[in-house]
Amino acid sequence: LKMKRDGLIMEFFELLPKVKDLRSQLSELYSDA
């Protein structure tokens, strides 16, 4: 379970910058639209 938890945390932080970038793009596209 500890290995699973650590693996999930790594997956989460790997995904986090991608989602932040999507949020930023979404905000820009919304303003433009």
PDB file of all heavy atoms in Angstrom:
ATOM      1  N   LEU A   1       0.831  -1.213   0.000  1.00  0.00           N
ATOM      2  CA  LEU A   1       0.000   0.000   0.000  1.00  0.00           C
ATOM      3  C   LEU A   1       0.867   1.264   0.000  1.00  0.00           C
ATOM      4  O   LEU A   1       0.515   2.258  -0.645  1.00  0.00           O
ATOM      5  CB  LEU A   1      -0.922   0.009   1.219  1.00  0.00           C
ATOM      6  CG  LEU A   1      -2.140  -0.915   1.149  1.00  0.00           C
ATOM      7  CD1 LEU A   1      -2.858  -0.950   2.489  1.00  0.00           C
ATOM      8  CD2 LEU A   1      -3.112  -0.458   0.057  1.00  0.00           C
ATOM      9  N   LYS A   2       1.978   1.206   0.704  1.00  0.00           N
ATOM     10  CA  LYS A   2       2.892   2.350   0.730  1.00  0.00           C
ATOM     11  C   LYS A   2       3.486   2.594  -0.655  1.00  0.00           C
ATOM     12  O   LYS A   2       3.612   3.743  -1.102  1.00  0.00           O
ATOM     13  CB  LYS A   2       4.004   2.106   1.750  1.00  0.00           C
ATOM     14  CG  LYS A   2       4.779   3.356   2.112  1.00  0.00           C
ATOM     15  CD  LYS A   2       5.764   3.078   3.239  1.00  0.00           C
ATOM     16  CE  LYS A   2       6.533   4.339   3.592  1.00  0.00           C
ATOM     17  NZ  LYS A   2       7.526   4.091   4.666  1.00  0.00           N
ATOM     18  N   MET A   3       3.845   1.505  -1.341  1.00  0.00           N
ATOM     19  CA  MET A   3       4.360   1.621  -2.711  1.00  0.00           C
ATOM     20  C   MET A   3       3.287   2.189  -3.639  1.00  0.00           C
ATOM     21  O   MET A   3       3.568   3.034  -4.493  1.00  0.00           O
ATOM     22  CB  MET A   3       4.821   0.248  -3.210  1.00  0.00           C
ATOM     23  CG  MET A   3       6.112  -0.244  -2.582  1.00  0.00           C
ATOM     24  SD  MET A   3       6.509  -1.950  -3.047  1.00  0.00           S
ATOM     25  CE  MET A   3       6.656  -1.800  -4.821  1.00  0.00           C
ATOM     26  N   LYS A   4       2.047   1.721  -3.458  1.00  0.00           N
ATOM     27  CA  LYS A   4       0.944   2.227  -4.275  1.00  0.00           C
ATOM     28  C   LYS A   4       0.722   3.709  -4.023  1.00  0.00           C
ATOM     29  O   LYS A   4       0.554   4.493  -4.959  1.00  0.00           O
ATOM     30  CB  LYS A   4      -0.335   1.452  -3.972  1.00  0.00           C
ATOM     31  CG  LYS A   4      -1.540   1.929  -4.781  1.00  0.00           C
ATOM     32  CD  LYS A   4      -2.810   1.178  -4.409  1.00  0.00           C
ATOM     33  CE  LYS A   4      -3.992   1.717  -5.204  1.00  0.00           C
ATOM     34  NZ  LYS A   4      -5.247   1.023  -4.862  1.00  0.00           N
ATOM     35  N   ARG A   5       0.721   4.102  -2.747  1.00  0.00           N
ATOM     36  CA  ARG A   5       0.531   5.514  -2.392  1.00  0.00           C
ATOM     37  C   ARG A   5       1.607   6.392  -3.022  1.00  0.00           C
ATOM     38  O   ARG A   5       1.308   7.429  -3.632  1.00  0.00           O
ATOM     39  CB  ARG A   5       0.559   5.673  -0.877  1.00  0.00           C
ATOM     40  CG  ARG A   5       0.355   7.105  -0.380  1.00  0.00           C
ATOM     41  CD  ARG A   5       0.851   7.262   1.039  1.00  0.00           C
ATOM     42  NE  ARG A   5       2.299   7.027   1.117  1.00  0.00           N
ATOM     43  CZ  ARG A   5       2.971   6.947   2.259  1.00  0.00           C
ATOM     44  NH1 ARG A   5       2.327   7.035   3.410  1.00  0.00           N
ATOM     45  NH2 ARG A   5       4.275   6.734   2.252  1.00  0.00           N
ATOM     46  N   ASP A   6       2.866   5.958  -2.907  1.00  0.00           N
ATOM     47  CA  ASP A   6       3.977   6.730  -3.465  1.00  0.00           C
ATOM     48  C   ASP A   6       3.876   6.810  -4.992  1.00  0.00           C
ATOM     49  O   ASP A   6       4.157   7.854  -5.592  1.00  0.00           O
ATOM     50  CB  ASP A   6       5.312   6.110  -3.059  1.00  0.00           C
ATOM     51  CG  ASP A   6       5.554   6.199  -1.556  1.00  0.00           C
ATOM     52  OD1 ASP A   6       4.862   6.993  -0.898  1.00  0.00           O
ATOM     53  OD2 ASP A   6       6.426   5.462  -1.046  1.00  0.00           O
ATOM     54  N   GLY A   7       3.461   5.696  -5.613  1.00  0.00           N
ATOM     55  CA  GLY A   7       3.300   5.688  -7.068  1.00  0.00           C
ATOM     56  C   GLY A   7       2.185   6.618  -7.523  1.00  0.00           C
ATOM     57  O   GLY A   7       2.325   7.332  -8.527  1.00  0.00           O
ATOM     58  N   LEU A   8       1.086   6.626  -6.782  1.00  0.00           N
ATOM     59  CA  LEU A   8      -0.039   7.508  -7.114  1.00  0.00           C
ATOM     60  C   LEU A   8       0.353   8.977  -6.958  1.00  0.00           C
ATOM     61  O   LEU A   8      -0.052   9.826  -7.756  1.00  0.00           O
ATOM     62  CB  LEU A   8      -1.242   7.192  -6.216  1.00  0.00           C
ATOM     63  CG  LEU A   8      -1.993   5.893  -6.524  1.00  0.00           C
ATOM     64  CD1 LEU A   8      -2.989   5.591  -5.409  1.00  0.00           C
ATOM     65  CD2 LEU A   8      -2.720   5.979  -7.863  1.00  0.00           C
ATOM     66  N   ILE A   9       1.128   9.268  -5.919  1.00  0.00           N
ATOM     67  CA  ILE A   9       1.592  10.652  -5.710  1.00  0.00           C
ATOM     68  C   ILE A   9       2.472  11.099  -6.875  1.00  0.00           C
ATOM     69  O   ILE A   9       2.361  12.234  -7.362  1.00  0.00           O
ATOM     70  CB  ILE A   9       2.340  10.774  -4.369  1.00  0.00           C
ATOM     71  CG1 ILE A   9       1.349  10.622  -3.205  1.00  0.00           C
ATOM     72  CG2 ILE A   9       3.070  12.106  -4.263  1.00  0.00           C
ATOM     73  CD1 ILE A   9       2.007  10.539  -1.841  1.00  0.00           C
ATOM     74  N   MET A  10       3.339  10.195  -7.340  1.00  0.00           N
ATOM     75  CA  MET A  10       4.186  10.523  -8.493  1.00  0.00           C
ATOM     76  C   MET A  10       3.347  10.783  -9.737  1.00  0.00           C
ATOM     77  O   MET A  10       3.593  11.732 -10.493  1.00  0.00           O
ATOM     78  CB  MET A  10       5.177   9.383  -8.746  1.00  0.00           C
ATOM     79  CG  MET A  10       6.281   9.259  -7.718  1.00  0.00           C
ATOM     80  SD  MET A  10       7.397   7.851  -8.035  1.00  0.00           S
ATOM     81  CE  MET A  10       8.066   8.321  -9.626  1.00  0.00           C
ATOM     82  N   GLU A  11       2.332   9.936  -9.958  1.00  0.00           N
ATOM     83  CA  GLU A  11       1.435  10.123 -11.106  1.00  0.00           C
ATOM     84  C   GLU A  11       0.689  11.458 -10.993  1.00  0.00           C
ATOM     85  O   GLU A  11       0.512  12.163 -11.986  1.00  0.00           O
ATOM     86  CB  GLU A  11       0.422   8.977 -11.175  1.00  0.00           C
ATOM     87  CG  GLU A  11       1.000   7.620 -11.538  1.00  0.00           C
ATOM     88  CD  GLU A  11       1.350   7.511 -13.014  1.00  0.00           C
ATOM     89  OE1 GLU A  11       0.932   8.394 -13.793  1.00  0.00           O
ATOM     90  OE2 GLU A  11       2.043   6.546 -13.386  1.00  0.00           O
ATOM     91  N   PHE A  12       0.262  11.793  -9.765  1.00  0.00           N
ATOM     92  CA  PHE A  12      -0.484  13.032  -9.541  1.00  0.00           C
ATOM     93  C   PHE A  12       0.369  14.248  -9.890  1.00  0.00           C
ATOM     94  O   PHE A  12      -0.081  15.155 -10.595  1.00  0.00           O
ATOM     95  CB  PHE A  12      -0.935  13.096  -8.078  1.00  0.00           C
ATOM     96  CG  PHE A  12      -1.681  14.359  -7.727  1.00  0.00           C
ATOM     97  CD1 PHE A  12      -3.041  14.467  -7.977  1.00  0.00           C
ATOM     98  CD2 PHE A  12      -1.019  15.431  -7.147  1.00  0.00           C
ATOM     99  CE1 PHE A  12      -3.728  15.626  -7.655  1.00  0.00           C
ATOM    100  CE2 PHE A  12      -1.692  16.594  -6.834  1.00  0.00           C
ATOM    101  CZ  PHE A  12      -3.055  16.687  -7.080  1.00  0.00           C
ATOM    102  N   PHE A  13       1.617  14.271  -9.380  1.00  0.00           N
ATOM    103  CA  PHE A  13       2.473  15.429  -9.623  1.00  0.00           C
ATOM    104  C   PHE A  13       2.999  15.475 -11.057  1.00  0.00           C
ATOM    105  O   PHE A  13       3.392  16.548 -11.535  1.00  0.00           O
ATOM    106  CB  PHE A  13       3.624  15.451  -8.618  1.00  0.00           C
ATOM    107  CG  PHE A  13       3.223  15.968  -7.270  1.00  0.00           C
ATOM    108  CD1 PHE A  13       3.068  15.108  -6.193  1.00  0.00           C
ATOM    109  CD2 PHE A  13       2.963  17.311  -7.083  1.00  0.00           C
ATOM    110  CE1 PHE A  13       2.669  15.583  -4.951  1.00  0.00           C
ATOM    111  CE2 PHE A  13       2.572  17.804  -5.846  1.00  0.00           C
ATOM    112  CZ  PHE A  13       2.425  16.935  -4.776  1.00  0.00           C
ATOM    113  N   GLU A  14       2.997  14.338 -11.720  1.00  0.00           N
ATOM    114  CA  GLU A  14       3.348  14.333 -13.142  1.00  0.00           C
ATOM    115  C   GLU A  14       2.216  14.945 -13.975  1.00  0.00           C
ATOM    116  O   GLU A  14       2.451  15.628 -14.969  1.00  0.00           O
ATOM    117  CB  GLU A  14       3.616  12.899 -13.610  1.00  0.00           C
ATOM    118  CG  GLU A  14       4.092  12.811 -15.052  1.00  0.00           C
ATOM    119  CD  GLU A  14       4.403  11.389 -15.485  1.00  0.00           C
ATOM    120  OE1 GLU A  14       4.686  10.548 -14.625  1.00  0.00           O
ATOM    121  OE2 GLU A  14       4.356  11.133 -16.702  1.00  0.00           O
ATOM    122  N   LEU A  15       0.978  14.700 -13.540  1.00  0.00           N
ATOM    123  CA  LEU A  15      -0.187  15.215 -14.252  1.00  0.00           C
ATOM    124  C   LEU A  15      -0.465  16.675 -13.929  1.00  0.00           C
ATOM    125  O   LEU A  15      -1.012  17.409 -14.770  1.00  0.00           O
ATOM    126  CB  LEU A  15      -1.413  14.366 -13.892  1.00  0.00           C
ATOM    127  CG  LEU A  15      -2.752  14.705 -14.558  1.00  0.00           C
ATOM    128  CD1 LEU A  15      -2.669  14.509 -16.063  1.00  0.00           C
ATOM    129  CD2 LEU A  15      -3.870  13.856 -13.968  1.00  0.00           C
ATOM    130  N   LEU A  16      -0.087  17.122 -12.726  1.00  0.00           N
ATOM    131  CA  LEU A  16      -0.431  18.462 -12.248  1.00  0.00           C
ATOM    132  C   LEU A  16      -0.020  19.592 -13.193  1.00  0.00           C
ATOM    133  O   LEU A  16      -0.862  20.450 -13.520  1.00  0.00           O
ATOM    134  CB  LEU A  16       0.177  18.677 -10.856  1.00  0.00           C
ATOM    135  CG  LEU A  16      -0.156  19.993 -10.160  1.00  0.00           C
ATOM    136  CD1 LEU A  16      -1.661  20.145  -9.984  1.00  0.00           C
ATOM    137  CD2 LEU A  16       0.556  20.087  -8.820  1.00  0.00           C
ATOM    138  N   PRO A  17       1.223  19.653 -13.675  1.00  0.00           N
ATOM    139  CA  PRO A  17       1.585  20.758 -14.584  1.00  0.00           C
ATOM    140  C   PRO A  17       0.806  20.727 -15.897  1.00  0.00           C
ATOM    141  O   PRO A  17       0.513  21.788 -16.474  1.00  0.00           O
ATOM    142  CB  PRO A  17       3.090  20.551 -14.827  1.00  0.00           C
ATOM    143  CG  PRO A  17       3.364  19.140 -14.443  1.00  0.00           C
ATOM    144  CD  PRO A  17       2.391  18.802 -13.376  1.00  0.00           C
ATOM    145  N   LYS A  18       0.468  19.522 -16.369  1.00  0.00           N
ATOM    146  CA  LYS A  18      -0.312  19.420 -17.608  1.00  0.00           C
ATOM    147  C   LYS A  18      -1.706  20.006 -17.417  1.00  0.00           C
ATOM    148  O   LYS A  18      -2.221  20.714 -18.276  1.00  0.00           O
ATOM    149  CB  LYS A  18      -0.414  17.954 -18.041  1.00  0.00           C
ATOM    150  CG  LYS A  18       0.923  17.310 -18.360  1.00  0.00           C
ATOM    151  CD  LYS A  18       0.758  15.833 -18.700  1.00  0.00           C
ATOM    152  CE  LYS A  18       2.108  15.164 -18.926  1.00  0.00           C
ATOM    153  NZ  LYS A  18       1.967  13.698 -19.189  1.00  0.00           N
ATOM    154  N   VAL A  19      -2.318  19.698 -16.266  1.00  0.00           N
ATOM    155  CA  VAL A  19      -3.663  20.215 -15.982  1.00  0.00           C
ATOM    156  C   VAL A  19      -3.612  21.727 -15.771  1.00  0.00           C
ATOM    157  O   VAL A  19      -4.517  22.449 -16.201  1.00  0.00           O
ATOM    158  CB  VAL A  19      -4.265  19.504 -14.748  1.00  0.00           C
ATOM    159  CG1 VAL A  19      -5.589  20.139 -14.349  1.00  0.00           C
ATOM    160  CG2 VAL A  19      -4.467  18.026 -15.053  1.00  0.00           C
ATOM    161  N   LYS A  20      -2.561  22.213 -15.108  1.00  0.00           N
ATOM    162  CA  LYS A  20      -2.406  23.658 -14.927  1.00  0.00           C
ATOM    163  C   LYS A  20      -2.300  24.359 -16.273  1.00  0.00           C
ATOM    164  O   LYS A  20      -2.870  25.436 -16.477  1.00  0.00           O
ATOM    165  CB  LYS A  20      -1.164  23.952 -14.083  1.00  0.00           C
ATOM    166  CG  LYS A  20      -1.345  23.712 -12.596  1.00  0.00           C
ATOM    167  CD  LYS A  20      -0.099  24.129 -11.834  1.00  0.00           C
ATOM    168  CE  LYS A  20      -0.299  23.991 -10.330  1.00  0.00           C
ATOM    169  NZ  LYS A  20       0.927  24.396  -9.582  1.00  0.00           N
ATOM    170  N   ASP A  21      -1.566  23.742 -17.191  1.00  0.00           N
ATOM    171  CA  ASP A  21      -1.420  24.305 -18.536  1.00  0.00           C
ATOM    172  C   ASP A  21      -2.765  24.317 -19.271  1.00  0.00           C
ATOM    173  O   ASP A  21      -3.096  25.283 -19.952  1.00  0.00           O
ATOM    174  CB  ASP A  21      -0.391  23.497 -19.342  1.00  0.00           C
ATOM    175  CG  ASP A  21      -0.140  24.091 -20.713  1.00  0.00           C
ATOM    176  OD1 ASP A  21       0.214  25.279 -20.790  1.00  0.00           O
ATOM    177  OD2 ASP A  21      -0.303  23.362 -21.709  1.00  0.00           O
ATOM    178  N   LEU A  22      -3.537  23.236 -19.104  1.00  0.00           N
ATOM    179  CA  LEU A  22      -4.867  23.183 -19.720  1.00  0.00           C
ATOM    180  C   LEU A  22      -5.779  24.261 -19.152  1.00  0.00           C
ATOM    181  O   LEU A  22      -6.550  24.888 -19.890  1.00  0.00           O
ATOM    182  CB  LEU A  22      -5.497  21.798 -19.500  1.00  0.00           C
ATOM    183  CG  LEU A  22      -4.909  20.634 -20.297  1.00  0.00           C
ATOM    184  CD1 LEU A  22      -5.517  19.308 -19.846  1.00  0.00           C
ATOM    185  CD2 LEU A  22      -5.156  20.831 -21.789  1.00  0.00           C
ATOM    186  N   ARG A  23      -5.696  24.481 -17.838  1.00  0.00           N
ATOM    187  CA  ARG A  23      -6.496  25.531 -17.201  1.00  0.00           C
ATOM    188  C   ARG A  23      -6.141  26.898 -17.770  1.00  0.00           C
ATOM    189  O   ARG A  23      -7.017  27.723 -18.041  1.00  0.00           O
ATOM    190  CB  ARG A  23      -6.255  25.534 -15.690  1.00  0.00           C
ATOM    191  CG  ARG A  23      -6.895  24.387 -14.929  1.00  0.00           C
ATOM    192  CD  ARG A  23      -6.533  24.491 -13.450  1.00  0.00           C
ATOM    193  NE  ARG A  23      -7.037  23.381 -12.667  1.00  0.00           N
ATOM    194  CZ  ARG A  23      -6.720  23.173 -11.398  1.00  0.00           C
ATOM    195  NH1 ARG A  23      -5.873  23.999 -10.784  1.00  0.00           N
ATOM    196  NH2 ARG A  23      -7.236  22.149 -10.737  1.00  0.00           N
ATOM    197  N   SER A  24      -4.820  27.130 -17.931  1.00  0.00           N
ATOM    198  CA  SER A  24      -4.353  28.410 -18.462  1.00  0.00           C
ATOM    199  C   SER A  24      -4.843  28.611 -19.896  1.00  0.00           C
ATOM    200  O   SER A  24      -5.340  29.691 -20.254  1.00  0.00           O
ATOM    201  CB  SER A  24      -2.825  28.459 -18.408  1.00  0.00           C
ATOM    202  OG  SER A  24      -2.331  29.648 -18.965  1.00  0.00           O
ATOM    203  N   GLN A  25      -4.711  27.556 -20.702  1.00  0.00           N
ATOM    204  CA  GLN A  25      -5.187  27.640 -22.090  1.00  0.00           C
ATOM    205  C   GLN A  25      -6.695  27.846 -22.140  1.00  0.00           C
ATOM    206  O   GLN A  25      -7.198  28.613 -22.965  1.00  0.00           O
ATOM    207  CB  GLN A  25      -4.826  26.362 -22.843  1.00  0.00           C
ATOM    208  CG  GLN A  25      -3.343  26.171 -23.105  1.00  0.00           C
ATOM    209  CD  GLN A  25      -3.070  24.922 -23.920  1.00  0.00           C
ATOM    210  OE1 GLN A  25      -3.605  24.765 -25.023  1.00  0.00           O
ATOM    211  NE2 GLN A  25      -2.257  24.023 -23.388  1.00  0.00           N
ATOM    212  N   LEU A  26      -7.405  27.175 -21.248  1.00  0.00           N
ATOM    213  CA  LEU A  26      -8.866  27.298 -21.199  1.00  0.00           C
ATOM    214  C   LEU A  26      -9.272  28.728 -20.880  1.00  0.00           C
ATOM    215  O   LEU A  26     -10.200  29.274 -21.492  1.00  0.00           O
ATOM    216  CB  LEU A  26      -9.433  26.332 -20.156  1.00  0.00           C
ATOM    217  CG  LEU A  26     -10.958  26.307 -19.987  1.00  0.00           C
ATOM    218  CD1 LEU A  26     -11.638  25.886 -21.280  1.00  0.00           C
ATOM    219  CD2 LEU A  26     -11.339  25.362 -18.854  1.00  0.00           C
ATOM    220  N   SER A  27      -8.580  29.330 -19.920  1.00  0.00           N
ATOM    221  CA  SER A  27      -8.881  30.711 -19.543  1.00  0.00           C
ATOM    222  C   SER A  27      -8.641  31.673 -20.708  1.00  0.00           C
ATOM    223  O   SER A  27      -9.460  32.564 -20.980  1.00  0.00           O
ATOM    224  CB  SER A  27      -8.014  31.114 -18.343  1.00  0.00           C
ATOM    225  OG  SER A  27      -8.266  32.446 -17.973  1.00  0.00           O
ATOM    226  N   GLU A  28      -7.526  31.460 -21.403  1.00  0.00           N
ATOM    227  CA  GLU A  28      -7.200  32.327 -22.552  1.00  0.00           C
ATOM    228  C   GLU A  28      -8.209  32.146 -23.682  1.00  0.00           C
ATOM    229  O   GLU A  28      -8.668  33.130 -24.280  1.00  0.00           O
ATOM    230  CB  GLU A  28      -5.790  32.000 -23.050  1.00  0.00           C
ATOM    231  CG  GLU A  28      -4.683  32.409 -22.092  1.00  0.00           C
ATOM    232  CD  GLU A  28      -3.310  31.985 -22.592  1.00  0.00           C
ATOM    233  OE1 GLU A  28      -3.222  31.480 -23.732  1.00  0.00           O
ATOM    234  OE2 GLU A  28      -2.330  32.152 -21.835  1.00  0.00           O
ATOM    235  N   LEU A  29      -8.561  30.883 -23.977  1.00  0.00           N
ATOM    236  CA  LEU A  29      -9.515  30.619 -25.053  1.00  0.00           C
ATOM    237  C   LEU A  29     -10.905  31.163 -24.714  1.00  0.00           C
ATOM    238  O   LEU A  29     -11.626  31.641 -25.597  1.00  0.00           O
ATOM    239  CB  LEU A  29      -9.596  29.115 -25.330  1.00  0.00           C
ATOM    240  CG  LEU A  29      -8.381  28.494 -26.011  1.00  0.00           C
ATOM    241  CD1 LEU A  29      -8.516  26.977 -26.067  1.00  0.00           C
ATOM    242  CD2 LEU A  29      -8.213  29.055 -27.426  1.00  0.00           C
ATOM    243  N   TYR A  30     -11.264  31.091 -23.437  1.00  0.00           N
ATOM    244  CA  TYR A  30     -12.565  31.621 -23.007  1.00  0.00           C
ATOM    245  C   TYR A  30     -12.617  33.135 -23.203  1.00  0.00           C
ATOM    246  O   TYR A  30     -13.598  33.674 -23.738  1.00  0.00           O
ATOM    247  CB  TYR A  30     -12.816  31.274 -21.541  1.00  0.00           C
ATOM    248  CG  TYR A  30     -14.086  31.873 -20.992  1.00  0.00           C
ATOM    249  CD1 TYR A  30     -15.326  31.307 -21.283  1.00  0.00           C
ATOM    250  CD2 TYR A  30     -14.041  33.016 -20.190  1.00  0.00           C
ATOM    251  CE1 TYR A  30     -16.502  31.865 -20.785  1.00  0.00           C
ATOM    252  CE2 TYR A  30     -15.206  33.566 -19.684  1.00  0.00           C
ATOM    253  CZ  TYR A  30     -16.433  33.000 -19.983  1.00  0.00           C
ATOM    254  OH  TYR A  30     -17.587  33.551 -19.505  1.00  0.00           O
ATOM    255  N   SER A  31     -11.562  33.813 -22.774  1.00  0.00           N
ATOM    256  CA  SER A  31     -11.504  35.274 -22.933  1.00  0.00           C
ATOM    257  C   SER A  31     -11.553  35.659 -24.396  1.00  0.00           C
ATOM    258  O   SER A  31     -12.271  36.594 -24.796  1.00  0.00           O
ATOM    259  CB  SER A  31     -10.229  35.830 -22.287  1.00  0.00           C
ATOM    260  OG  SER A  31     -10.213  35.563 -20.900  1.00  0.00           O
ATOM    261  N   ASP A  32     -10.795  34.927 -25.232  1.00  0.00           N
ATOM    262  CA  ASP A  32     -10.760  35.210 -26.671  1.00  0.00           C
ATOM    263  C   ASP A  32     -12.121  34.962 -27.319  1.00  0.00           C
ATOM    264  O   ASP A  32     -12.587  35.767 -28.132  1.00  0.00           O
ATOM    265  CB  ASP A  32      -9.700  34.334 -27.346  1.00  0.00           C
ATOM    266  CG  ASP A  32      -9.561  34.621 -28.822  1.00  0.00           C
ATOM    267  OD1 ASP A  32      -9.253  35.770 -29.188  1.00  0.00           O
ATOM    268  OD2 ASP A  32      -9.790  33.697 -29.629  1.00  0.00           O
ATOM    269  N   ALA A  33     -12.772  33.862 -26.947  1.00  0.00           N
ATOM    270  CA  ALA A  33     -14.075  33.524 -27.518  1.00  0.00           C
ATOM    271  C   ALA A  33     -15.136  34.555 -27.131  1.00  0.00           C
ATOM    272  O   ALA A  33     -15.944  34.982 -27.971  1.00  0.00           O
ATOM    273  CB  ALA A  33     -14.505  32.126 -27.063  1.00  0.00           C
TER     274      ALA A  33
END
